[in-house]
Amino acid sequence: MAKGHRAQIKRERNANADKRPSAKLSYARVSVQKACYVLDAIRGKDVQTALAIVAYNPRYASTLIEKLLKSAIANAENNNGMNVEKLYVEECFANKGPTLKRVKPRAQGRAYRIERGTSHITIVLNEK
């Protein structure tokens, strides 16, 4: 149990917070596996190369990740005052979001369940 005043506890917790620029997209209408194909391609690359990769990737998830990557770059530049030329993708991952359950009618009055996946995509940048 932490001791001290509530404001002091919050200050200590915020002092240990992650200072790296990041961007998160919640409830993206793409499954985790499909998003990871694109994320694996840009992990560890500098931001100019990563933007070029997602711009020419034919997958649907690449359009979402391109927008998210541009947002993370803008956060690094405006909020943290980092140099865009030195930035690289340090972490990028997709976590499972809630599953949308849908029903597909089938023969003889049956109904099959279709589950449409969602994901929470996160991109974390850092300077070299």
N, C-alpha and C. Protein backbone atom coordinates (compact mmCIF):
# COMPACT_ATOMS: atom_id res chain seq x y z
N MET A 1 0.84 -1.18 0.00
CA MET A 1 0.00 0.00 0.00
C MET A 1 0.88 1.24 0.00
N ALA A 2 0.59 2.17 -0.88
CA ALA A 2 1.38 3.39 -0.99
C ALA A 2 1.01 4.34 0.15
N LYS A 3 2.05 5.00 0.65
CA LYS A 3 1.81 5.95 1.73
C LYS A 3 1.95 7.36 1.20
N GLY A 4 1.26 8.29 1.84
CA GLY A 4 1.35 9.67 1.45
C GLY A 4 0.02 10.19 0.95
N HIS A 5 0.02 11.45 0.64
CA HIS A 5 -1.18 12.12 0.14
C HIS A 5 -1.48 11.66 -1.28
N ARG A 6 -2.74 11.72 -1.65
CA ARG A 6 -3.17 11.26 -2.98
C ARG A 6 -2.43 12.00 -4.09
N ALA A 7 -2.24 13.30 -3.96
CA ALA A 7 -1.54 14.08 -4.98
C ALA A 7 -0.08 13.65 -5.09
N GLN A 8 0.53 13.33 -3.95
CA GLN A 8 1.92 12.87 -3.97
C GLN A 8 2.04 11.52 -4.66
N ILE A 9 1.09 10.64 -4.43
CA ILE A 9 1.09 9.33 -5.07
C ILE A 9 0.95 9.47 -6.58
N LYS A 10 0.06 10.38 -7.02
CA LYS A 10 -0.13 10.61 -8.45
C LYS A 10 1.13 11.20 -9.09
N ARG A 11 1.80 12.12 -8.38
CA ARG A 11 3.04 12.71 -8.91
C ARG A 11 4.10 11.63 -9.11
N GLU A 12 4.23 10.73 -8.14
CA GLU A 12 5.21 9.66 -8.25
C GLU A 12 4.86 8.70 -9.39
N ARG A 13 3.59 8.41 -9.56
CA ARG A 13 3.17 7.52 -10.64
C ARG A 13 3.42 8.16 -12.00
N ASN A 14 3.15 9.46 -12.13
CA ASN A 14 3.36 10.17 -13.39
C ASN A 14 4.85 10.36 -13.70
N ALA A 15 5.68 10.42 -12.68
CA ALA A 15 7.11 10.56 -12.89
C ALA A 15 7.68 9.29 -13.52
N ASN A 16 7.07 8.15 -13.24
CA ASN A 16 7.53 6.87 -13.79
C ASN A 16 6.86 6.55 -15.11
N ALA A 17 6.03 7.44 -15.63
CA ALA A 17 5.29 7.17 -16.87
C ALA A 17 6.25 7.14 -18.06
N ASP A 18 5.82 6.43 -19.10
CA ASP A 18 6.61 6.30 -20.33
C ASP A 18 6.61 7.62 -21.08
N LYS A 19 7.78 8.16 -21.39
CA LYS A 19 7.91 9.46 -22.06
C LYS A 19 8.05 9.33 -23.57
N ARG A 20 8.06 8.11 -24.10
CA ARG A 20 8.22 7.93 -25.54
C ARG A 20 6.94 8.32 -26.26
N PRO A 21 7.06 8.96 -27.43
CA PRO A 21 5.85 9.34 -28.17
C PRO A 21 5.17 8.10 -28.74
N SER A 22 3.85 8.11 -28.69
CA SER A 22 3.11 6.95 -29.18
C SER A 22 1.75 7.40 -29.71
N ALA A 23 1.09 6.47 -30.38
CA ALA A 23 -0.28 6.69 -30.85
C ALA A 23 -1.00 5.35 -30.77
N LYS A 24 -2.28 5.40 -30.42
CA LYS A 24 -3.05 4.18 -30.26
C LYS A 24 -4.38 4.31 -31.00
N LEU A 25 -4.74 3.26 -31.71
CA LEU A 25 -6.02 3.18 -32.39
C LEU A 25 -6.83 2.07 -31.73
N SER A 26 -7.93 2.42 -31.10
CA SER A 26 -8.76 1.43 -30.42
C SER A 26 -9.93 1.03 -31.30
N TYR A 27 -10.36 -0.21 -31.14
CA TYR A 27 -11.52 -0.77 -31.84
C TYR A 27 -11.39 -0.69 -33.37
N ALA A 28 -10.19 -0.95 -33.88
CA ALA A 28 -9.99 -0.97 -35.33
C ALA A 28 -10.69 -2.19 -35.90
N ARG A 29 -11.40 -2.03 -37.00
CA ARG A 29 -12.18 -3.13 -37.59
C ARG A 29 -11.30 -4.00 -38.47
N VAL A 30 -10.25 -4.53 -37.89
CA VAL A 30 -9.36 -5.45 -38.58
C VAL A 30 -8.87 -6.44 -37.52
N SER A 31 -8.72 -7.71 -37.89
CA SER A 31 -8.31 -8.70 -36.90
C SER A 31 -6.84 -8.50 -36.54
N VAL A 32 -6.46 -9.04 -35.39
CA VAL A 32 -5.10 -8.88 -34.89
C VAL A 32 -4.09 -9.51 -35.84
N GLN A 33 -4.42 -10.69 -36.37
CA GLN A 33 -3.48 -11.39 -37.24
C GLN A 33 -3.22 -10.59 -38.51
N LYS A 34 -4.26 -10.00 -39.08
CA LYS A 34 -4.11 -9.23 -40.32
C LYS A 34 -3.34 -7.94 -40.07
N ALA A 35 -3.54 -7.31 -38.90
CA ALA A 35 -2.80 -6.09 -38.57
C ALA A 35 -1.32 -6.41 -38.33
N CYS A 36 -1.04 -7.58 -37.76
CA CYS A 36 0.35 -7.94 -37.43
C CYS A 36 1.21 -8.17 -38.66
N TYR A 37 0.60 -8.55 -39.79
CA TYR A 37 1.38 -8.69 -41.02
C TYR A 37 2.05 -7.37 -41.39
N VAL A 38 1.32 -6.28 -41.26
CA VAL A 38 1.86 -4.96 -41.60
C VAL A 38 2.79 -4.47 -40.49
N LEU A 39 2.41 -4.69 -39.23
CA LEU A 39 3.22 -4.21 -38.11
C LEU A 39 4.59 -4.89 -38.09
N ASP A 40 4.64 -6.18 -38.44
CA ASP A 40 5.92 -6.89 -38.47
C ASP A 40 6.86 -6.31 -39.53
N ALA A 41 6.27 -5.76 -40.61
CA ALA A 41 7.09 -5.21 -41.69
C ALA A 41 7.74 -3.89 -41.31
N ILE A 42 7.14 -3.12 -40.37
CA ILE A 42 7.68 -1.79 -40.05
C ILE A 42 8.42 -1.75 -38.71
N ARG A 43 8.36 -2.81 -37.93
CA ARG A 43 8.99 -2.81 -36.61
C ARG A 43 10.50 -2.65 -36.73
N GLY A 44 11.06 -1.65 -36.00
CA GLY A 44 12.50 -1.40 -36.01
C GLY A 44 13.00 -0.51 -37.13
N LYS A 45 12.15 -0.14 -38.07
CA LYS A 45 12.56 0.69 -39.21
C LYS A 45 12.46 2.18 -38.83
N ASP A 46 13.21 3.01 -39.55
CA ASP A 46 13.05 4.45 -39.36
C ASP A 46 11.71 4.88 -39.97
N VAL A 47 11.20 6.04 -39.56
CA VAL A 47 9.83 6.41 -39.90
C VAL A 47 9.64 6.67 -41.40
N GLN A 48 10.67 7.17 -42.09
CA GLN A 48 10.52 7.39 -43.53
C GLN A 48 10.36 6.06 -44.27
N THR A 49 11.16 5.07 -43.90
CA THR A 49 11.06 3.75 -44.51
C THR A 49 9.72 3.10 -44.16
N ALA A 50 9.29 3.25 -42.90
CA ALA A 50 8.02 2.66 -42.46
C ALA A 50 6.85 3.27 -43.22
N LEU A 51 6.88 4.58 -43.43
CA LEU A 51 5.80 5.23 -44.19
C LEU A 51 5.78 4.75 -45.64
N ALA A 52 6.97 4.53 -46.22
CA ALA A 52 7.03 4.03 -47.59
C ALA A 52 6.49 2.60 -47.68
N ILE A 53 6.77 1.78 -46.66
CA ILE A 53 6.29 0.40 -46.66
C ILE A 53 4.77 0.35 -46.59
N VAL A 54 4.18 1.13 -45.67
CA VAL A 54 2.72 1.06 -45.52
C VAL A 54 2.00 1.75 -46.68
N ALA A 55 2.67 2.70 -47.34
CA ALA A 55 2.03 3.38 -48.48
C ALA A 55 1.82 2.43 -49.65
N TYR A 56 2.74 1.48 -49.84
CA TYR A 56 2.65 0.57 -50.98
C TYR A 56 2.22 -0.84 -50.59
N ASN A 57 1.77 -1.02 -49.36
CA ASN A 57 1.29 -2.33 -48.93
C ASN A 57 -0.19 -2.45 -49.33
N PRO A 58 -0.58 -3.54 -49.99
CA PRO A 58 -1.96 -3.64 -50.48
C PRO A 58 -3.00 -3.99 -49.41
N ARG A 59 -2.59 -4.32 -48.21
CA ARG A 59 -3.53 -4.75 -47.18
C ARG A 59 -4.36 -3.57 -46.64
N TYR A 60 -5.58 -3.90 -46.18
CA TYR A 60 -6.48 -2.87 -45.63
C TYR A 60 -5.89 -2.27 -44.36
N ALA A 61 -5.24 -3.09 -43.54
CA ALA A 61 -4.69 -2.61 -42.27
C ALA A 61 -3.60 -1.55 -42.49
N SER A 62 -2.94 -1.56 -43.65
CA SER A 62 -1.86 -0.61 -43.88
C SER A 62 -2.37 0.83 -43.96
N THR A 63 -3.60 1.03 -44.42
CA THR A 63 -4.16 2.40 -44.44
C THR A 63 -4.38 2.91 -43.03
N LEU A 64 -4.86 2.02 -42.14
CA LEU A 64 -5.06 2.42 -40.74
C LEU A 64 -3.72 2.69 -40.06
N ILE A 65 -2.75 1.84 -40.31
CA ILE A 65 -1.45 1.96 -39.66
C ILE A 65 -0.69 3.17 -40.19
N GLU A 66 -0.88 3.52 -41.47
CA GLU A 66 -0.24 4.72 -42.02
C GLU A 66 -0.73 5.97 -41.30
N LYS A 67 -2.03 6.06 -41.10
CA LYS A 67 -2.60 7.21 -40.40
C LYS A 67 -2.12 7.26 -38.95
N LEU A 68 -2.03 6.09 -38.32
CA LEU A 68 -1.58 6.00 -36.94
C LEU A 68 -0.10 6.39 -36.81
N LEU A 69 0.71 5.97 -37.78
CA LEU A 69 2.14 6.29 -37.78
C LEU A 69 2.35 7.80 -37.95
N LYS A 70 1.58 8.42 -38.84
CA LYS A 70 1.68 9.87 -39.01
C LYS A 70 1.28 10.61 -37.74
N SER A 71 0.29 10.08 -37.01
CA SER A 71 -0.13 10.68 -35.75
C SER A 71 0.97 10.57 -34.70
N ALA A 72 1.64 9.42 -34.64
CA ALA A 72 2.74 9.24 -33.68
C ALA A 72 3.91 10.16 -34.01
N ILE A 73 4.19 10.36 -35.29
CA ILE A 73 5.26 11.28 -35.71
C ILE A 73 4.92 12.71 -35.30
N ALA A 74 3.66 13.11 -35.50
CA ALA A 74 3.23 14.45 -35.11
C ALA A 74 3.30 14.63 -33.60
N ASN A 75 2.95 13.58 -32.84
CA ASN A 75 3.05 13.65 -31.37
C ASN A 75 4.50 13.84 -30.94
N ALA A 76 5.42 13.13 -31.59
CA ALA A 76 6.84 13.24 -31.25
C ALA A 76 7.39 14.63 -31.55
N GLU A 77 6.95 15.17 -32.68
CA GLU A 77 7.45 16.48 -33.10
C GLU A 77 6.87 17.61 -32.25
N ASN A 78 5.55 17.59 -32.04
CA ASN A 78 4.89 18.70 -31.37
C ASN A 78 4.93 18.61 -29.85
N ASN A 79 4.73 17.43 -29.29
CA ASN A 79 4.65 17.30 -27.83
C ASN A 79 6.01 17.08 -27.19
N ASN A 80 6.89 16.34 -27.85
CA ASN A 80 8.18 16.01 -27.25
C ASN A 80 9.34 16.79 -27.86
N GLY A 81 9.11 17.51 -28.96
CA GLY A 81 10.17 18.30 -29.61
C GLY A 81 11.28 17.46 -30.19
N MET A 82 10.95 16.28 -30.70
CA MET A 82 11.96 15.39 -31.26
C MET A 82 12.19 15.69 -32.73
N ASN A 83 13.37 15.29 -33.23
CA ASN A 83 13.73 15.47 -34.62
C ASN A 83 13.15 14.31 -35.43
N VAL A 84 12.39 14.63 -36.49
CA VAL A 84 11.70 13.60 -37.28
C VAL A 84 12.69 12.69 -38.01
N GLU A 85 13.85 13.23 -38.42
CA GLU A 85 14.82 12.42 -39.16
C GLU A 85 15.44 11.32 -38.30
N LYS A 86 15.45 11.52 -36.98
CA LYS A 86 16.08 10.54 -36.08
C LYS A 86 15.10 9.52 -35.52
N LEU A 87 13.82 9.64 -35.82
CA LEU A 87 12.82 8.75 -35.23
C LEU A 87 12.81 7.38 -35.90
N TYR A 88 12.50 6.35 -35.10
CA TYR A 88 12.30 5.00 -35.63
C TYR A 88 11.18 4.32 -34.84
N VAL A 89 10.62 3.28 -35.40
CA VAL A 89 9.52 2.55 -34.77
C VAL A 89 10.13 1.58 -33.76
N GLU A 90 10.03 1.92 -32.48
CA GLU A 90 10.62 1.07 -31.44
C GLU A 90 9.71 -0.12 -31.11
N GLU A 91 8.43 0.15 -30.95
CA GLU A 91 7.47 -0.91 -30.63
C GLU A 91 6.23 -0.71 -31.49
N CYS A 92 5.63 -1.79 -31.92
CA CYS A 92 4.32 -1.73 -32.55
C CYS A 92 3.65 -3.08 -32.35
N PHE A 93 2.43 -3.04 -31.89
CA PHE A 93 1.72 -4.28 -31.60
C PHE A 93 0.23 -4.07 -31.71
N ALA A 94 -0.48 -5.19 -31.84
CA ALA A 94 -1.95 -5.17 -31.91
C ALA A 94 -2.49 -6.11 -30.85
N ASN A 95 -3.38 -5.60 -30.03
CA ASN A 95 -4.05 -6.42 -29.02
C ASN A 95 -5.47 -6.70 -29.46
N LYS A 96 -6.03 -7.78 -28.96
CA LYS A 96 -7.38 -8.19 -29.33
C LYS A 96 -8.41 -7.26 -28.70
N GLY A 97 -9.36 -6.82 -29.52
CA GLY A 97 -10.47 -6.01 -29.03
C GLY A 97 -11.72 -6.87 -28.92
N PRO A 98 -12.85 -6.26 -28.65
CA PRO A 98 -14.08 -7.03 -28.54
C PRO A 98 -14.49 -7.62 -29.89
N THR A 99 -15.09 -8.80 -29.86
CA THR A 99 -15.51 -9.48 -31.07
C THR A 99 -16.96 -9.16 -31.36
N LEU A 100 -17.24 -8.77 -32.61
CA LEU A 100 -18.61 -8.49 -33.02
C LEU A 100 -19.25 -9.79 -33.50
N LYS A 101 -20.38 -10.15 -32.90
CA LYS A 101 -21.06 -11.38 -33.28
C LYS A 101 -22.15 -11.06 -34.29
N ARG A 102 -22.12 -11.76 -35.42
CA ARG A 102 -23.12 -11.58 -36.47
C ARG A 102 -23.71 -12.94 -36.82
N VAL A 103 -24.89 -12.93 -37.45
CA VAL A 103 -25.56 -14.18 -37.80
C VAL A 103 -25.73 -14.24 -39.31
N LYS A 104 -25.38 -15.40 -39.90
CA LYS A 104 -25.53 -15.62 -41.33
C LYS A 104 -26.59 -16.70 -41.54
N PRO A 105 -27.65 -16.40 -42.27
CA PRO A 105 -28.66 -17.43 -42.51
C PRO A 105 -28.12 -18.54 -43.42
N ARG A 106 -28.47 -19.77 -43.10
CA ARG A 106 -28.03 -20.93 -43.86
C ARG A 106 -29.24 -21.76 -44.28
N ALA A 107 -28.99 -22.87 -44.92
CA ALA A 107 -30.06 -23.71 -45.45
C ALA A 107 -30.90 -24.33 -44.33
N GLN A 108 -32.17 -24.60 -44.63
CA GLN A 108 -33.12 -25.29 -43.75
C GLN A 108 -33.32 -24.54 -42.43
N GLY A 109 -33.32 -23.23 -42.49
CA GLY A 109 -33.64 -22.41 -41.31
C GLY A 109 -32.54 -22.30 -40.29
N ARG A 110 -31.37 -22.78 -40.60
CA ARG A 110 -30.26 -22.69 -39.64
C ARG A 110 -29.63 -21.30 -39.69
N ALA A 111 -28.89 -21.01 -38.64
CA ALA A 111 -28.16 -19.74 -38.58
C ALA A 111 -26.76 -20.03 -38.08
N TYR A 112 -25.75 -19.60 -38.84
CA TYR A 112 -24.36 -19.76 -38.43
C TYR A 112 -23.87 -18.44 -37.86
N ARG A 113 -23.07 -18.54 -36.81
CA ARG A 113 -22.51 -17.34 -36.20
C ARG A 113 -21.22 -16.95 -36.94
N ILE A 114 -21.11 -15.67 -37.24
CA ILE A 114 -19.88 -15.11 -37.81
C ILE A 114 -19.31 -14.14 -36.78
N GLU A 115 -18.04 -14.31 -36.47
CA GLU A 115 -17.40 -13.43 -35.50
C GLU A 115 -16.42 -12.51 -36.21
N ARG A 116 -16.66 -11.22 -36.09
CA ARG A 116 -15.81 -10.23 -36.74
C ARG A 116 -14.90 -9.62 -35.68
N GLY A 117 -13.60 -9.77 -35.89
CA GLY A 117 -12.64 -9.33 -34.89
C GLY A 117 -12.33 -7.85 -34.95
N THR A 118 -12.00 -7.29 -33.82
CA THR A 118 -11.50 -5.92 -33.75
C THR A 118 -10.16 -5.96 -33.02
N SER A 119 -9.40 -4.88 -33.10
CA SER A 119 -8.09 -4.85 -32.46
C SER A 119 -7.77 -3.45 -31.97
N HIS A 120 -6.85 -3.39 -31.03
CA HIS A 120 -6.30 -2.14 -30.53
C HIS A 120 -4.84 -2.09 -30.97
N ILE A 121 -4.52 -1.15 -31.88
CA ILE A 121 -3.18 -1.07 -32.47
C ILE A 121 -2.39 0.08 -31.80
N THR A 122 -1.16 -0.21 -31.41
CA THR A 122 -0.31 0.78 -30.74
C THR A 122 1.03 0.88 -31.45
N ILE A 123 1.49 2.12 -31.65
CA ILE A 123 2.81 2.36 -32.24
C ILE A 123 3.59 3.28 -31.29
N VAL A 124 4.80 2.86 -30.91
CA VAL A 124 5.66 3.64 -30.03
C VAL A 124 6.94 3.97 -30.80
N LEU A 125 7.32 5.26 -30.80
CA LEU A 125 8.52 5.72 -31.51
C LEU A 125 9.62 6.07 -30.51
N ASN A 126 10.82 6.23 -31.01
CA ASN A 126 11.93 6.69 -30.19
C ASN A 126 12.99 7.31 -31.10
N GLU A 127 13.92 8.06 -30.51
CA GLU A 127 15.00 8.66 -31.28
C GLU A 127 16.24 7.77 -31.25
N LYS A 128 16.98 7.77 -32.36
CA LYS A 128 18.24 7.00 -32.42
C LYS A 128 19.34 7.79 -31.74
